[in-house]
Amino acid sequence: MRLEDLDIEAEARAIEADAEQNLPGLRESLGQLQRGEYAAMHTPERILERRKAGRPVGTVKEDAKVQTAIRFDADVLAAAKASGPGWQTRINELVRREFIGA
């Protein structure tokens, strides 16, 4: 089915019947989908079209972080997370000071 052929009211009724409740904003969202306002498909071709000429692809930082797995005791991890946003950065800084001295 093409989006242009979408019967918004019929689809909304079917979705709400499946959900067994009215869903506020559903018809508006389906209309936006139909118009392509918020539901643009990011296909590889569209991504290539949008890429700016001469702009590098991927990470450009020289000191990019490296993903790894590390195991902490549960209480240590809970305390770190409880300290709020930025807890991973703070752990990185603690480890840096301990092992590198910087």
N, C-alpha and C. Protein backbone atom coordinates (compact mmCIF):
# COMPACT_ATOMS: atom_id res chain seq x y z
N MET A 1 0.85 -1.18 0.00
CA MET A 1 0.00 0.00 0.00
C MET A 1 0.89 1.25 0.00
N ARG A 2 0.50 2.21 -0.79
CA ARG A 2 1.21 3.49 -0.82
C ARG A 2 0.62 4.40 0.25
N LEU A 3 1.45 5.26 0.83
CA LEU A 3 0.98 6.17 1.87
C LEU A 3 -0.10 7.11 1.36
N GLU A 4 -0.04 7.47 0.08
CA GLU A 4 -1.04 8.37 -0.48
C GLU A 4 -2.44 7.74 -0.43
N ASP A 5 -2.48 6.41 -0.46
CA ASP A 5 -3.76 5.69 -0.46
C ASP A 5 -4.25 5.35 0.95
N LEU A 6 -3.52 5.74 1.96
CA LEU A 6 -3.86 5.42 3.34
C LEU A 6 -5.19 6.05 3.74
N ASP A 7 -6.11 5.23 4.23
CA ASP A 7 -7.38 5.71 4.77
C ASP A 7 -7.15 5.94 6.25
N ILE A 8 -6.86 7.18 6.60
CA ILE A 8 -6.47 7.52 7.96
C ILE A 8 -7.52 7.09 8.98
N GLU A 9 -8.77 7.37 8.70
CA GLU A 9 -9.83 7.04 9.65
C GLU A 9 -9.95 5.53 9.85
N ALA A 10 -9.89 4.77 8.77
CA ALA A 10 -9.99 3.31 8.87
C ALA A 10 -8.80 2.74 9.64
N GLU A 11 -7.62 3.23 9.34
CA GLU A 11 -6.43 2.76 10.05
C GLU A 11 -6.49 3.11 11.53
N ALA A 12 -6.93 4.33 11.82
CA ALA A 12 -7.02 4.76 13.22
C ALA A 12 -8.01 3.89 13.98
N ARG A 13 -9.16 3.60 13.37
CA ARG A 13 -10.15 2.74 14.02
C ARG A 13 -9.57 1.36 14.29
N ALA A 14 -8.84 0.81 13.34
CA ALA A 14 -8.25 -0.53 13.50
C ALA A 14 -7.19 -0.53 14.61
N ILE A 15 -6.36 0.50 14.64
CA ILE A 15 -5.31 0.60 15.67
C ILE A 15 -5.95 0.74 17.04
N GLU A 16 -6.96 1.60 17.15
CA GLU A 16 -7.62 1.80 18.44
C GLU A 16 -8.39 0.56 18.88
N ALA A 17 -8.96 -0.18 17.93
CA ALA A 17 -9.64 -1.43 18.28
C ALA A 17 -8.64 -2.43 18.83
N ASP A 18 -7.46 -2.50 18.19
CA ASP A 18 -6.41 -3.41 18.64
C ASP A 18 -5.91 -3.01 20.03
N ALA A 19 -5.80 -1.69 20.26
CA ALA A 19 -5.32 -1.19 21.55
C ALA A 19 -6.42 -1.19 22.60
N GLU A 20 -7.65 -1.37 22.15
CA GLU A 20 -8.82 -1.36 23.03
C GLU A 20 -8.97 -0.04 23.79
N GLN A 21 -8.59 1.05 23.14
CA GLN A 21 -8.74 2.38 23.72
C GLN A 21 -8.54 3.44 22.65
N ASN A 22 -9.10 4.62 22.90
CA ASN A 22 -8.86 5.75 22.01
C ASN A 22 -7.44 6.26 22.24
N LEU A 23 -6.78 6.63 21.18
CA LEU A 23 -5.40 7.11 21.28
C LEU A 23 -5.36 8.56 20.81
N PRO A 24 -5.26 9.49 21.76
CA PRO A 24 -5.23 10.91 21.39
C PRO A 24 -4.05 11.21 20.46
N GLY A 25 -4.32 11.99 19.44
CA GLY A 25 -3.28 12.40 18.51
C GLY A 25 -2.96 11.39 17.42
N LEU A 26 -3.63 10.23 17.46
CA LEU A 26 -3.33 9.18 16.48
C LEU A 26 -3.62 9.63 15.05
N ARG A 27 -4.78 10.23 14.83
CA ARG A 27 -5.14 10.64 13.48
C ARG A 27 -4.19 11.73 12.96
N GLU A 28 -3.81 12.62 13.86
CA GLU A 28 -2.86 13.67 13.46
C GLU A 28 -1.52 13.04 13.08
N SER A 29 -1.07 12.07 13.87
CA SER A 29 0.19 11.40 13.57
C SER A 29 0.13 10.64 12.25
N LEU A 30 -1.00 9.98 12.00
CA LEU A 30 -1.15 9.28 10.73
C LEU A 30 -1.16 10.25 9.56
N GLY A 31 -1.76 11.42 9.76
CA GLY A 31 -1.74 12.45 8.72
C GLY A 31 -0.33 12.94 8.44
N GLN A 32 0.45 13.11 9.50
CA GLN A 32 1.85 13.52 9.33
C GLN A 32 2.64 12.44 8.60
N LEU A 33 2.36 11.18 8.94
CA LEU A 33 3.00 10.07 8.24
C LEU A 33 2.67 10.12 6.76
N GLN A 34 1.40 10.31 6.46
CA GLN A 34 0.95 10.34 5.07
C GLN A 34 1.61 11.48 4.30
N ARG A 35 1.77 12.63 4.95
CA ARG A 35 2.38 13.79 4.29
C ARG A 35 3.92 13.72 4.29
N GLY A 36 4.47 12.75 5.02
CA GLY A 36 5.92 12.61 5.08
C GLY A 36 6.58 13.64 5.96
N GLU A 37 5.82 14.23 6.88
CA GLU A 37 6.38 15.30 7.72
C GLU A 37 7.35 14.78 8.77
N TYR A 38 7.01 13.67 9.41
CA TYR A 38 7.85 13.17 10.49
C TYR A 38 8.23 11.72 10.30
N ALA A 39 7.96 11.19 9.16
CA ALA A 39 8.20 9.78 8.96
C ALA A 39 9.08 9.53 7.74
N ALA A 40 10.02 10.40 7.51
CA ALA A 40 10.90 10.21 6.36
C ALA A 40 11.72 8.94 6.56
N MET A 41 11.83 8.17 5.51
CA MET A 41 12.61 6.95 5.56
C MET A 41 14.08 7.30 5.31
N HIS A 42 14.95 6.82 6.15
CA HIS A 42 16.38 7.08 5.98
C HIS A 42 17.02 5.86 5.31
N THR A 43 16.82 5.78 4.01
CA THR A 43 17.41 4.70 3.24
C THR A 43 18.87 5.05 2.94
N PRO A 44 19.68 4.06 2.63
CA PRO A 44 21.08 4.36 2.30
C PRO A 44 21.20 5.38 1.17
N GLU A 45 20.29 5.30 0.19
CA GLU A 45 20.35 6.24 -0.93
C GLU A 45 20.08 7.67 -0.46
N ARG A 46 19.09 7.85 0.42
CA ARG A 46 18.77 9.19 0.92
C ARG A 46 19.88 9.73 1.81
N ILE A 47 20.51 8.85 2.56
CA ILE A 47 21.63 9.29 3.40
C ILE A 47 22.77 9.78 2.52
N LEU A 48 23.07 9.04 1.45
CA LEU A 48 24.12 9.46 0.53
C LEU A 48 23.79 10.80 -0.13
N GLU A 49 22.51 11.00 -0.46
CA GLU A 49 22.10 12.26 -1.08
C GLU A 49 22.32 13.44 -0.14
N ARG A 50 22.09 13.22 1.15
CA ARG A 50 22.17 14.31 2.12
C ARG A 50 23.60 14.58 2.59
N ARG A 51 24.49 13.66 2.35
CA ARG A 51 25.87 13.83 2.81
C ARG A 51 26.49 15.02 2.11
N LYS A 52 27.12 15.87 2.88
CA LYS A 52 27.75 17.06 2.31
C LYS A 52 29.07 16.68 1.65
N ALA A 53 29.29 17.26 0.49
CA ALA A 53 30.52 16.98 -0.25
C ALA A 53 31.72 17.43 0.56
N GLY A 54 32.75 16.60 0.59
CA GLY A 54 33.99 16.95 1.27
C GLY A 54 33.97 16.73 2.76
N ARG A 55 32.82 16.39 3.31
CA ARG A 55 32.74 16.18 4.75
C ARG A 55 33.14 14.75 5.07
N PRO A 56 34.03 14.55 6.05
CA PRO A 56 34.47 13.19 6.37
C PRO A 56 33.31 12.38 6.96
N VAL A 57 33.40 11.08 6.78
CA VAL A 57 32.38 10.17 7.29
C VAL A 57 32.93 9.52 8.55
N GLY A 58 32.11 9.49 9.59
CA GLY A 58 32.52 8.83 10.83
C GLY A 58 33.21 9.77 11.79
N THR A 59 33.82 9.19 12.79
CA THR A 59 34.48 9.96 13.84
C THR A 59 35.70 10.67 13.29
N VAL A 60 35.85 11.93 13.66
CA VAL A 60 37.00 12.70 13.20
C VAL A 60 37.89 13.10 14.36
N LYS A 61 37.49 12.81 15.59
CA LYS A 61 38.32 13.16 16.74
C LYS A 61 39.56 12.28 16.76
N GLU A 62 40.70 12.89 17.04
CA GLU A 62 41.93 12.11 17.13
C GLU A 62 41.93 11.24 18.38
N ASP A 63 41.32 11.72 19.44
CA ASP A 63 41.32 10.98 20.71
C ASP A 63 39.94 10.37 20.99
N ALA A 64 39.37 9.76 19.96
CA ALA A 64 38.04 9.17 20.11
C ALA A 64 38.07 8.08 21.18
N LYS A 65 36.99 7.96 21.90
CA LYS A 65 36.87 6.94 22.94
C LYS A 65 36.83 5.56 22.29
N VAL A 66 37.23 4.56 23.04
CA VAL A 66 37.22 3.17 22.59
C VAL A 66 36.22 2.42 23.45
N GLN A 67 35.30 1.71 22.81
CA GLN A 67 34.32 0.94 23.56
C GLN A 67 34.96 -0.32 24.09
N THR A 68 34.65 -0.66 25.33
CA THR A 68 35.17 -1.87 25.95
C THR A 68 34.15 -2.38 26.94
N ALA A 69 34.40 -3.54 27.46
CA ALA A 69 33.54 -4.09 28.52
C ALA A 69 34.38 -4.18 29.78
N ILE A 70 33.83 -3.77 30.88
CA ILE A 70 34.52 -3.82 32.16
C ILE A 70 33.50 -4.23 33.21
N ARG A 71 33.92 -4.99 34.19
CA ARG A 71 33.00 -5.46 35.22
C ARG A 71 33.28 -4.72 36.52
N PHE A 72 32.21 -4.18 37.11
CA PHE A 72 32.28 -3.50 38.40
C PHE A 72 31.42 -4.28 39.38
N ASP A 73 31.73 -4.15 40.65
CA ASP A 73 30.83 -4.68 41.67
C ASP A 73 29.51 -3.92 41.54
N ALA A 74 28.42 -4.61 41.85
CA ALA A 74 27.09 -4.02 41.67
C ALA A 74 26.93 -2.72 42.46
N ASP A 75 27.45 -2.68 43.68
CA ASP A 75 27.28 -1.46 44.49
C ASP A 75 28.08 -0.29 43.93
N VAL A 76 29.24 -0.58 43.34
CA VAL A 76 30.06 0.48 42.74
C VAL A 76 29.34 1.06 41.53
N LEU A 77 28.82 0.21 40.68
CA LEU A 77 28.10 0.67 39.49
C LEU A 77 26.85 1.44 39.88
N ALA A 78 26.12 0.94 40.87
CA ALA A 78 24.90 1.63 41.31
C ALA A 78 25.23 3.02 41.84
N ALA A 79 26.30 3.13 42.60
CA ALA A 79 26.70 4.44 43.14
C ALA A 79 27.11 5.39 42.03
N ALA A 80 27.83 4.87 41.05
CA ALA A 80 28.26 5.71 39.93
C ALA A 80 27.06 6.23 39.16
N LYS A 81 26.13 5.34 38.84
CA LYS A 81 24.93 5.76 38.11
C LYS A 81 24.08 6.72 38.92
N ALA A 82 24.02 6.50 40.23
CA ALA A 82 23.22 7.37 41.10
C ALA A 82 23.80 8.78 41.18
N SER A 83 25.05 8.93 40.80
CA SER A 83 25.67 10.26 40.85
C SER A 83 25.15 11.17 39.74
N GLY A 84 24.36 10.59 38.82
CA GLY A 84 23.71 11.40 37.80
C GLY A 84 24.39 11.35 36.45
N PRO A 85 23.84 12.14 35.52
CA PRO A 85 24.40 12.16 34.16
C PRO A 85 25.88 12.51 34.18
N GLY A 86 26.62 11.86 33.29
CA GLY A 86 28.05 12.10 33.21
C GLY A 86 28.86 11.12 34.03
N TRP A 87 28.20 10.10 34.58
CA TRP A 87 28.91 9.17 35.45
C TRP A 87 30.01 8.42 34.72
N GLN A 88 29.82 8.10 33.45
CA GLN A 88 30.87 7.40 32.71
C GLN A 88 32.09 8.29 32.51
N THR A 89 31.86 9.56 32.26
CA THR A 89 32.96 10.51 32.10
C THR A 89 33.73 10.63 33.41
N ARG A 90 32.99 10.69 34.53
CA ARG A 90 33.67 10.79 35.83
C ARG A 90 34.50 9.55 36.13
N ILE A 91 33.99 8.37 35.78
CA ILE A 91 34.77 7.15 35.98
C ILE A 91 36.01 7.18 35.10
N ASN A 92 35.88 7.65 33.87
CA ASN A 92 37.02 7.77 32.97
C ASN A 92 38.09 8.67 33.58
N GLU A 93 37.65 9.78 34.16
CA GLU A 93 38.60 10.72 34.78
C GLU A 93 39.29 10.09 35.99
N LEU A 94 38.55 9.34 36.80
CA LEU A 94 39.15 8.65 37.95
C LEU A 94 40.19 7.63 37.51
N VAL A 95 39.86 6.86 36.50
CA VAL A 95 40.80 5.85 36.00
C VAL A 95 42.02 6.54 35.39
N ARG A 96 41.82 7.63 34.67
CA ARG A 96 42.94 8.38 34.08
C ARG A 96 43.90 8.85 35.16
N ARG A 97 43.34 9.45 36.22
CA ARG A 97 44.19 9.94 37.33
C ARG A 97 44.97 8.80 37.98
N GLU A 98 44.31 7.65 38.16
CA GLU A 98 44.94 6.52 38.83
C GLU A 98 46.06 5.91 38.00
N PHE A 99 45.83 5.74 36.70
CA PHE A 99 46.80 5.02 35.88
C PHE A 99 47.73 5.90 35.07
N ILE A 100 47.29 7.09 34.74
CA ILE A 100 48.11 7.96 33.92
C ILE A 100 48.65 9.12 34.73
N GLY A 101 47.93 9.49 35.77
CA GLY A 101 48.38 10.58 36.61
C GLY A 101 48.04 11.94 36.04
N ALA A 102 47.18 11.99 35.07
CA ALA A 102 46.83 13.27 34.44
C ALA A 102 45.56 13.82 35.02
